[in-house]
Amino acid sequence: MSKKQGIQLSAAEQREIFGDDWRGEEYAAEAEERWGETDAWQESRKRVARFSKEDWRQIKAGADGLERRLADAMLRGLTPGSAEADALAEEHRAQIGRFYDCTHEMHVGLADMYVADPRFTAHYDEQAPGLAVYLREVIRANAEKHL
């Protein structure tokens, strides 16, 4: 995340919140190239411009907590499409919704990207091997009920 994306954090603050290996500028440039003309991108820029450092800390803590609960669900063998799995999918979608309105269809597209892009897969699988694929299946099963 970066100033280019509208984020009002210094590089040092970004490292403090997201870690030393945060590649926000690189990701922001790629995201803008891919989605810069979309309404979702424009809405995201507006929303993040209003986020404080504390907002970003809460966003990061929320995402980390959800990823741990998703990994736990996968390791417990929780079936995608179950009520608990659907609740996790909706929480994930709501987290994205802080940035832009995320339809179920968009959510499925993101889930597919989590598996297709090795950087996203590595991020999720760092929590637990196979988590990216599991998250995709949880999101797909939930979305099928809403599409």
N, C-alpha and C. Protein backbone atom coordinates (compact mmCIF):
# COMPACT_ATOMS: atom_id res chain seq x y z
N MET A 1 0.85 -1.17 0.00
CA MET A 1 0.00 0.00 0.00
C MET A 1 0.90 1.23 0.00
N SER A 2 0.44 2.25 -0.63
CA SER A 2 1.34 3.37 -0.80
C SER A 2 0.58 4.66 -0.91
N LYS A 3 1.34 5.76 -0.88
CA LYS A 3 0.75 7.08 -1.10
C LYS A 3 0.09 7.12 -2.46
N LYS A 4 0.66 6.44 -3.44
CA LYS A 4 0.08 6.41 -4.77
C LYS A 4 -1.33 5.84 -4.73
N GLN A 5 -1.59 4.94 -3.81
CA GLN A 5 -2.91 4.34 -3.65
C GLN A 5 -3.80 5.21 -2.77
N GLY A 6 -3.26 6.30 -2.22
CA GLY A 6 -4.03 7.16 -1.36
C GLY A 6 -3.80 6.92 0.12
N ILE A 7 -2.90 6.04 0.46
CA ILE A 7 -2.63 5.69 1.85
C ILE A 7 -1.77 6.77 2.47
N GLN A 8 -2.20 7.23 3.62
CA GLN A 8 -1.54 8.35 4.28
C GLN A 8 -0.56 7.88 5.36
N LEU A 9 0.28 6.92 5.03
CA LEU A 9 1.29 6.43 5.95
C LEU A 9 2.66 6.63 5.34
N SER A 10 3.63 6.96 6.18
CA SER A 10 5.01 7.03 5.71
C SER A 10 5.52 5.61 5.45
N ALA A 11 6.64 5.52 4.77
CA ALA A 11 7.25 4.21 4.52
C ALA A 11 7.57 3.52 5.85
N ALA A 12 8.06 4.29 6.82
CA ALA A 12 8.39 3.71 8.13
C ALA A 12 7.13 3.19 8.83
N GLU A 13 6.04 3.94 8.74
CA GLU A 13 4.79 3.49 9.36
C GLU A 13 4.26 2.23 8.66
N GLN A 14 4.39 2.17 7.36
CA GLN A 14 3.97 0.97 6.63
C GLN A 14 4.77 -0.24 7.09
N ARG A 15 6.09 -0.08 7.24
CA ARG A 15 6.93 -1.19 7.70
C ARG A 15 6.56 -1.59 9.13
N GLU A 16 6.26 -0.60 9.96
CA GLU A 16 5.89 -0.86 11.35
C GLU A 16 4.63 -1.73 11.41
N ILE A 17 3.65 -1.42 10.57
CA ILE A 17 2.38 -2.13 10.61
C ILE A 17 2.42 -3.44 9.83
N PHE A 18 2.99 -3.40 8.63
CA PHE A 18 2.92 -4.55 7.72
C PHE A 18 4.18 -5.40 7.69
N GLY A 19 5.27 -4.95 8.30
CA GLY A 19 6.49 -5.73 8.35
C GLY A 19 7.54 -5.22 7.37
N ASP A 20 8.76 -5.64 7.60
CA ASP A 20 9.89 -5.17 6.81
C ASP A 20 9.87 -5.64 5.36
N ASP A 21 9.18 -6.74 5.09
CA ASP A 21 9.16 -7.27 3.72
C ASP A 21 7.95 -6.76 2.93
N TRP A 22 7.26 -5.76 3.45
CA TRP A 22 6.10 -5.19 2.77
C TRP A 22 6.52 -4.56 1.45
N ARG A 23 5.83 -4.92 0.39
CA ARG A 23 6.17 -4.43 -0.95
C ARG A 23 5.02 -3.59 -1.50
N GLY A 24 4.54 -2.68 -0.67
CA GLY A 24 3.37 -1.89 -1.00
C GLY A 24 3.45 -1.10 -2.29
N GLU A 25 4.57 -0.44 -2.52
CA GLU A 25 4.71 0.35 -3.75
C GLU A 25 4.61 -0.53 -4.99
N GLU A 26 5.27 -1.67 -4.94
CA GLU A 26 5.25 -2.60 -6.07
C GLU A 26 3.82 -3.11 -6.32
N TYR A 27 3.16 -3.51 -5.25
CA TYR A 27 1.80 -4.03 -5.38
C TYR A 27 0.83 -2.95 -5.83
N ALA A 28 1.02 -1.73 -5.32
CA ALA A 28 0.12 -0.63 -5.68
C ALA A 28 0.23 -0.33 -7.17
N ALA A 29 1.45 -0.32 -7.70
CA ALA A 29 1.64 -0.04 -9.13
C ALA A 29 0.99 -1.13 -9.98
N GLU A 30 1.17 -2.37 -9.58
CA GLU A 30 0.56 -3.47 -10.33
C GLU A 30 -0.96 -3.42 -10.26
N ALA A 31 -1.49 -3.16 -9.07
CA ALA A 31 -2.94 -3.08 -8.91
C ALA A 31 -3.52 -1.94 -9.72
N GLU A 32 -2.85 -0.81 -9.72
CA GLU A 32 -3.35 0.32 -10.49
C GLU A 32 -3.34 0.02 -11.99
N GLU A 33 -2.30 -0.66 -12.44
CA GLU A 33 -2.24 -1.04 -13.85
C GLU A 33 -3.39 -1.97 -14.22
N ARG A 34 -3.69 -2.92 -13.34
CA ARG A 34 -4.73 -3.91 -13.63
C ARG A 34 -6.14 -3.36 -13.46
N TRP A 35 -6.35 -2.56 -12.42
CA TRP A 35 -7.71 -2.16 -12.04
C TRP A 35 -7.92 -0.65 -11.95
N GLY A 36 -6.94 0.13 -12.35
CA GLY A 36 -6.99 1.57 -12.18
C GLY A 36 -8.19 2.26 -12.80
N GLU A 37 -8.77 1.65 -13.82
CA GLU A 37 -9.92 2.27 -14.49
C GLU A 37 -11.26 1.82 -13.90
N THR A 38 -11.23 0.96 -12.91
CA THR A 38 -12.48 0.42 -12.38
C THR A 38 -13.05 1.32 -11.28
N ASP A 39 -14.35 1.21 -11.09
CA ASP A 39 -15.02 1.93 -10.01
C ASP A 39 -14.49 1.48 -8.65
N ALA A 40 -14.22 0.17 -8.53
CA ALA A 40 -13.72 -0.36 -7.25
C ALA A 40 -12.39 0.28 -6.89
N TRP A 41 -11.51 0.45 -7.86
CA TRP A 41 -10.21 1.08 -7.61
C TRP A 41 -10.40 2.52 -7.13
N GLN A 42 -11.25 3.25 -7.82
CA GLN A 42 -11.49 4.65 -7.45
C GLN A 42 -12.09 4.74 -6.05
N GLU A 43 -13.03 3.87 -5.76
CA GLU A 43 -13.64 3.87 -4.43
C GLU A 43 -12.61 3.51 -3.36
N SER A 44 -11.77 2.55 -3.64
CA SER A 44 -10.73 2.15 -2.69
C SER A 44 -9.80 3.31 -2.38
N ARG A 45 -9.39 4.03 -3.40
CA ARG A 45 -8.50 5.20 -3.19
C ARG A 45 -9.16 6.22 -2.27
N LYS A 46 -10.43 6.47 -2.49
CA LYS A 46 -11.14 7.45 -1.64
C LYS A 46 -11.21 6.98 -0.20
N ARG A 47 -11.53 5.71 -0.03
CA ARG A 47 -11.69 5.20 1.33
C ARG A 47 -10.37 5.16 2.09
N VAL A 48 -9.32 4.65 1.45
CA VAL A 48 -8.05 4.51 2.17
C VAL A 48 -7.43 5.87 2.49
N ALA A 49 -7.75 6.88 1.72
CA ALA A 49 -7.23 8.21 1.99
C ALA A 49 -7.71 8.72 3.35
N ARG A 50 -8.82 8.18 3.83
CA ARG A 50 -9.37 8.59 5.13
C ARG A 50 -8.90 7.71 6.29
N PHE A 51 -8.20 6.64 6.01
CA PHE A 51 -7.77 5.72 7.06
C PHE A 51 -6.61 6.33 7.86
N SER A 52 -6.71 6.21 9.16
CA SER A 52 -5.63 6.65 10.05
C SER A 52 -4.66 5.49 10.27
N LYS A 53 -3.57 5.79 10.93
CA LYS A 53 -2.61 4.74 11.27
C LYS A 53 -3.29 3.68 12.14
N GLU A 54 -4.14 4.11 13.06
CA GLU A 54 -4.87 3.16 13.91
C GLU A 54 -5.83 2.31 13.09
N ASP A 55 -6.48 2.90 12.09
CA ASP A 55 -7.34 2.12 11.20
C ASP A 55 -6.53 1.01 10.54
N TRP A 56 -5.34 1.35 10.05
CA TRP A 56 -4.50 0.34 9.39
C TRP A 56 -4.07 -0.75 10.37
N ARG A 57 -3.78 -0.37 11.59
CA ARG A 57 -3.44 -1.40 12.59
C ARG A 57 -4.61 -2.34 12.81
N GLN A 58 -5.81 -1.80 12.90
CA GLN A 58 -6.99 -2.63 13.09
C GLN A 58 -7.26 -3.52 11.87
N ILE A 59 -7.06 -2.97 10.70
CA ILE A 59 -7.24 -3.75 9.47
C ILE A 59 -6.27 -4.92 9.44
N LYS A 60 -5.01 -4.64 9.77
CA LYS A 60 -3.97 -5.69 9.77
C LYS A 60 -4.29 -6.74 10.83
N ALA A 61 -4.67 -6.31 12.02
CA ALA A 61 -4.99 -7.27 13.10
C ALA A 61 -6.21 -8.11 12.72
N GLY A 62 -7.20 -7.48 12.12
CA GLY A 62 -8.39 -8.23 11.70
C GLY A 62 -8.06 -9.27 10.65
N ALA A 63 -7.25 -8.89 9.67
CA ALA A 63 -6.87 -9.83 8.62
C ALA A 63 -6.04 -10.98 9.19
N ASP A 64 -5.10 -10.67 10.07
CA ASP A 64 -4.27 -11.72 10.67
C ASP A 64 -5.13 -12.69 11.48
N GLY A 65 -6.07 -12.15 12.24
CA GLY A 65 -6.95 -13.00 13.05
C GLY A 65 -7.82 -13.89 12.19
N LEU A 66 -8.37 -13.33 11.13
CA LEU A 66 -9.21 -14.13 10.23
C LEU A 66 -8.39 -15.22 9.56
N GLU A 67 -7.19 -14.90 9.13
CA GLU A 67 -6.35 -15.93 8.49
C GLU A 67 -6.04 -17.06 9.46
N ARG A 68 -5.81 -16.74 10.73
CA ARG A 68 -5.57 -17.80 11.73
C ARG A 68 -6.82 -18.66 11.91
N ARG A 69 -7.99 -18.04 11.94
CA ARG A 69 -9.23 -18.80 12.11
C ARG A 69 -9.53 -19.64 10.87
N LEU A 70 -9.21 -19.12 9.70
CA LEU A 70 -9.38 -19.91 8.47
C LEU A 70 -8.45 -21.13 8.49
N ALA A 71 -7.20 -20.91 8.89
CA ALA A 71 -6.26 -22.03 8.96
C ALA A 71 -6.75 -23.07 9.97
N ASP A 72 -7.24 -22.61 11.10
CA ASP A 72 -7.78 -23.53 12.11
C ASP A 72 -8.97 -24.30 11.55
N ALA A 73 -9.85 -23.61 10.84
CA ALA A 73 -11.01 -24.28 10.25
C ALA A 73 -10.58 -25.36 9.27
N MET A 74 -9.60 -25.04 8.44
CA MET A 74 -9.11 -26.01 7.47
C MET A 74 -8.50 -27.22 8.19
N LEU A 75 -7.69 -26.95 9.21
CA LEU A 75 -7.03 -28.04 9.92
C LEU A 75 -8.03 -28.90 10.70
N ARG A 76 -9.16 -28.32 11.10
CA ARG A 76 -10.22 -29.08 11.77
C ARG A 76 -11.09 -29.83 10.78
N GLY A 77 -10.88 -29.57 9.49
CA GLY A 77 -11.67 -30.26 8.47
C GLY A 77 -13.04 -29.64 8.24
N LEU A 78 -13.19 -28.36 8.58
CA LEU A 78 -14.47 -27.69 8.38
C LEU A 78 -14.81 -27.66 6.89
N THR A 79 -16.00 -28.11 6.57
CA THR A 79 -16.43 -28.25 5.18
C THR A 79 -16.83 -26.90 4.59
N PRO A 80 -16.26 -26.54 3.42
CA PRO A 80 -16.75 -25.35 2.72
C PRO A 80 -18.26 -25.49 2.49
N GLY A 81 -18.98 -24.40 2.70
CA GLY A 81 -20.43 -24.42 2.55
C GLY A 81 -21.16 -24.63 3.85
N SER A 82 -20.45 -25.02 4.90
CA SER A 82 -21.08 -25.14 6.22
C SER A 82 -21.36 -23.73 6.74
N ALA A 83 -22.22 -23.64 7.73
CA ALA A 83 -22.58 -22.33 8.28
C ALA A 83 -21.36 -21.60 8.82
N GLU A 84 -20.47 -22.31 9.51
CA GLU A 84 -19.27 -21.68 10.07
C GLU A 84 -18.34 -21.22 8.96
N ALA A 85 -18.17 -22.03 7.93
CA ALA A 85 -17.31 -21.64 6.80
C ALA A 85 -17.91 -20.45 6.06
N ASP A 86 -19.22 -20.45 5.89
CA ASP A 86 -19.88 -19.32 5.23
C ASP A 86 -19.66 -18.03 6.03
N ALA A 87 -19.72 -18.13 7.34
CA ALA A 87 -19.49 -16.95 8.19
C ALA A 87 -18.06 -16.42 8.00
N LEU A 88 -17.10 -17.33 7.89
CA LEU A 88 -15.72 -16.91 7.64
C LEU A 88 -15.59 -16.25 6.27
N ALA A 89 -16.26 -16.80 5.27
CA ALA A 89 -16.23 -16.20 3.93
C ALA A 89 -16.84 -14.81 3.96
N GLU A 90 -17.94 -14.65 4.67
CA GLU A 90 -18.58 -13.34 4.74
C GLU A 90 -17.73 -12.35 5.52
N GLU A 91 -17.03 -12.82 6.53
CA GLU A 91 -16.12 -11.93 7.26
C GLU A 91 -14.98 -11.48 6.33
N HIS A 92 -14.48 -12.40 5.53
CA HIS A 92 -13.42 -12.06 4.57
C HIS A 92 -13.94 -11.02 3.57
N ARG A 93 -15.15 -11.24 3.07
CA ARG A 93 -15.75 -10.31 2.11
C ARG A 93 -15.97 -8.94 2.76
N ALA A 94 -16.37 -8.93 4.01
CA ALA A 94 -16.59 -7.68 4.73
C ALA A 94 -15.27 -6.92 4.92
N GLN A 95 -14.19 -7.65 5.15
CA GLN A 95 -12.89 -6.99 5.27
C GLN A 95 -12.53 -6.29 3.96
N ILE A 96 -12.76 -6.95 2.86
CA ILE A 96 -12.51 -6.33 1.55
C ILE A 96 -13.45 -5.13 1.37
N GLY A 97 -14.65 -5.27 1.91
CA GLY A 97 -15.65 -4.21 1.81
C GLY A 97 -15.25 -2.92 2.50
N ARG A 98 -14.25 -2.95 3.32
CA ARG A 98 -13.74 -1.70 3.89
C ARG A 98 -13.09 -0.85 2.80
N PHE A 99 -12.63 -1.50 1.73
CA PHE A 99 -11.92 -0.80 0.66
C PHE A 99 -12.84 -0.45 -0.51
N TYR A 100 -13.72 -1.38 -0.86
CA TYR A 100 -14.67 -1.17 -1.95
C TYR A 100 -15.79 -2.19 -1.80
N ASP A 101 -16.92 -1.89 -2.41
CA ASP A 101 -18.05 -2.81 -2.35
C ASP A 101 -17.68 -4.08 -3.12
N CYS A 102 -17.71 -5.20 -2.42
CA CYS A 102 -17.26 -6.47 -3.00
C CYS A 102 -18.45 -7.41 -3.13
N THR A 103 -18.92 -7.60 -4.36
CA THR A 103 -20.01 -8.53 -4.60
C THR A 103 -19.49 -9.96 -4.42
N HIS A 104 -20.41 -10.90 -4.34
CA HIS A 104 -20.00 -12.30 -4.25
C HIS A 104 -19.24 -12.72 -5.50
N GLU A 105 -19.66 -12.23 -6.64
CA GLU A 105 -18.95 -12.55 -7.89
C GLU A 105 -17.52 -12.02 -7.86
N MET A 106 -17.34 -10.79 -7.39
CA MET A 106 -15.99 -10.24 -7.26
C MET A 106 -15.17 -11.05 -6.27
N HIS A 107 -15.81 -11.48 -5.19
CA HIS A 107 -15.13 -12.24 -4.16
C HIS A 107 -14.58 -13.55 -4.73
N VAL A 108 -15.38 -14.20 -5.58
CA VAL A 108 -14.92 -15.44 -6.22
C VAL A 108 -13.72 -15.14 -7.12
N GLY A 109 -13.77 -14.03 -7.85
CA GLY A 109 -12.63 -13.66 -8.69
C GLY A 109 -11.37 -13.44 -7.88
N LEU A 110 -11.50 -12.81 -6.73
CA LEU A 110 -10.34 -12.63 -5.85
C LEU A 110 -9.83 -13.98 -5.36
N ALA A 111 -10.75 -14.85 -4.96
CA ALA A 111 -10.36 -16.17 -4.46
C ALA A 111 -9.59 -16.95 -5.53
N ASP A 112 -10.06 -16.86 -6.77
CA ASP A 112 -9.34 -17.53 -7.86
C ASP A 112 -7.93 -16.96 -8.01
N MET A 113 -7.81 -15.64 -7.85
CA MET A 113 -6.50 -15.01 -7.95
C MET A 113 -5.57 -15.47 -6.82
N TYR A 114 -6.14 -15.71 -5.63
CA TYR A 114 -5.32 -16.17 -4.51
C TYR A 114 -4.62 -17.49 -4.83
N VAL A 115 -5.23 -18.30 -5.68
CA VAL A 115 -4.64 -19.58 -6.06
C VAL A 115 -3.79 -19.42 -7.33
N ALA A 116 -4.22 -18.59 -8.26
CA ALA A 116 -3.50 -18.44 -9.53
C ALA A 116 -2.20 -17.66 -9.38
N ASP A 117 -2.14 -16.72 -8.46
CA ASP A 117 -0.95 -15.89 -8.28
C ASP A 117 -0.11 -16.48 -7.16
N PRO A 118 1.10 -16.93 -7.49
CA PRO A 118 1.91 -17.60 -6.46
C PRO A 118 2.23 -16.72 -5.25
N ARG A 119 2.22 -15.41 -5.42
CA ARG A 119 2.48 -14.53 -4.27
C ARG A 119 1.35 -14.61 -3.25
N PHE A 120 0.11 -14.62 -3.73
CA PHE A 120 -1.03 -14.76 -2.82
C PHE A 120 -1.05 -16.15 -2.21
N THR A 121 -0.80 -17.16 -3.04
CA THR A 121 -0.78 -18.53 -2.52
C THR A 121 0.26 -18.66 -1.41
N ALA A 122 1.44 -18.12 -1.63
CA ALA A 122 2.50 -18.19 -0.62
C ALA A 122 2.08 -17.48 0.67
N HIS A 123 1.42 -16.34 0.52
CA HIS A 123 0.97 -15.60 1.70
C HIS A 123 0.03 -16.46 2.54
N TYR A 124 -1.01 -17.00 1.91
CA TYR A 124 -1.98 -17.79 2.67
C TYR A 124 -1.38 -19.11 3.15
N ASP A 125 -0.59 -19.75 2.30
CA ASP A 125 -0.03 -21.05 2.67
C ASP A 125 1.05 -20.92 3.75
N GLU A 126 1.50 -19.71 4.00
CA GLU A 126 2.43 -19.49 5.11
C GLU A 126 1.71 -19.74 6.44
N GLN A 127 0.42 -19.46 6.49
CA GLN A 127 -0.37 -19.75 7.69
C GLN A 127 -0.53 -21.25 7.88
N ALA A 128 -0.85 -21.93 6.77
CA ALA A 128 -1.01 -23.39 6.79
C ALA A 128 -0.98 -23.85 5.34
N PRO A 129 -0.17 -24.87 5.02
CA PRO A 129 -0.12 -25.36 3.64
C PRO A 129 -1.51 -25.74 3.14
N GLY A 130 -1.85 -25.22 1.97
CA GLY A 130 -3.15 -25.50 1.37
C GLY A 130 -4.23 -24.48 1.69
N LEU A 131 -3.89 -23.45 2.49
CA LEU A 131 -4.91 -22.49 2.91
C LEU A 131 -5.46 -21.68 1.75
N ALA A 132 -4.65 -21.33 0.77
CA ALA A 132 -5.15 -20.55 -0.36
C ALA A 132 -6.26 -21.30 -1.10
N VAL A 133 -6.02 -22.58 -1.37
CA VAL A 133 -7.03 -23.39 -2.05
C VAL A 133 -8.26 -23.56 -1.17
N TYR A 134 -8.05 -23.79 0.10
CA TYR A 134 -9.18 -23.94 1.03
C TYR A 134 -10.01 -22.65 1.06
N LEU A 135 -9.36 -21.50 1.17
CA LEU A 135 -10.08 -20.23 1.20
C LEU A 135 -10.88 -20.05 -0.09
N ARG A 136 -10.28 -20.40 -1.22
CA ARG A 136 -11.01 -20.30 -2.48
C ARG A 136 -12.28 -21.15 -2.44
N GLU A 137 -12.17 -22.35 -1.93
CA GLU A 137 -13.32 -23.24 -1.88
C GLU A 137 -14.38 -22.74 -0.90
N VAL A 138 -13.95 -22.17 0.22
CA VAL A 138 -14.89 -21.59 1.18
C VAL A 138 -15.63 -20.42 0.55
N ILE A 139 -14.91 -19.57 -0.14
CA ILE A 139 -15.53 -18.40 -0.79
C ILE A 139 -16.48 -18.85 -1.90
N ARG A 140 -16.05 -19.80 -2.71
CA ARG A 140 -16.92 -20.29 -3.80
C ARG A 140 -18.20 -20.90 -3.26
N ALA A 141 -18.08 -21.74 -2.24
CA ALA A 141 -19.27 -22.41 -1.68
C ALA A 141 -20.24 -21.38 -1.11
N ASN A 142 -19.71 -20.38 -0.44
CA ASN A 142 -20.57 -19.32 0.11
C ASN A 142 -21.23 -18.53 -1.02
N ALA A 143 -20.46 -18.18 -2.02
CA ALA A 143 -20.98 -17.34 -3.12
C ALA A 143 -22.08 -18.05 -3.89
N GLU A 144 -21.96 -19.35 -4.06
CA GLU A 144 -22.98 -20.12 -4.80
C GLU A 144 -24.37 -19.92 -4.21
N LYS A 145 -24.44 -19.64 -2.92
CA LYS A 145 -25.73 -19.44 -2.26
C LYS A 145 -26.30 -18.05 -2.52
N HIS A 146 -25.47 -17.17 -3.07
CA HIS A 146 -25.86 -15.78 -3.25
C HIS A 146 -25.92 -15.34 -4.71
N LEU A 147 -25.45 -16.19 -5.61
CA LEU A 147 -25.42 -15.82 -7.03
C LEU A 147 -26.63 -16.36 -7.77
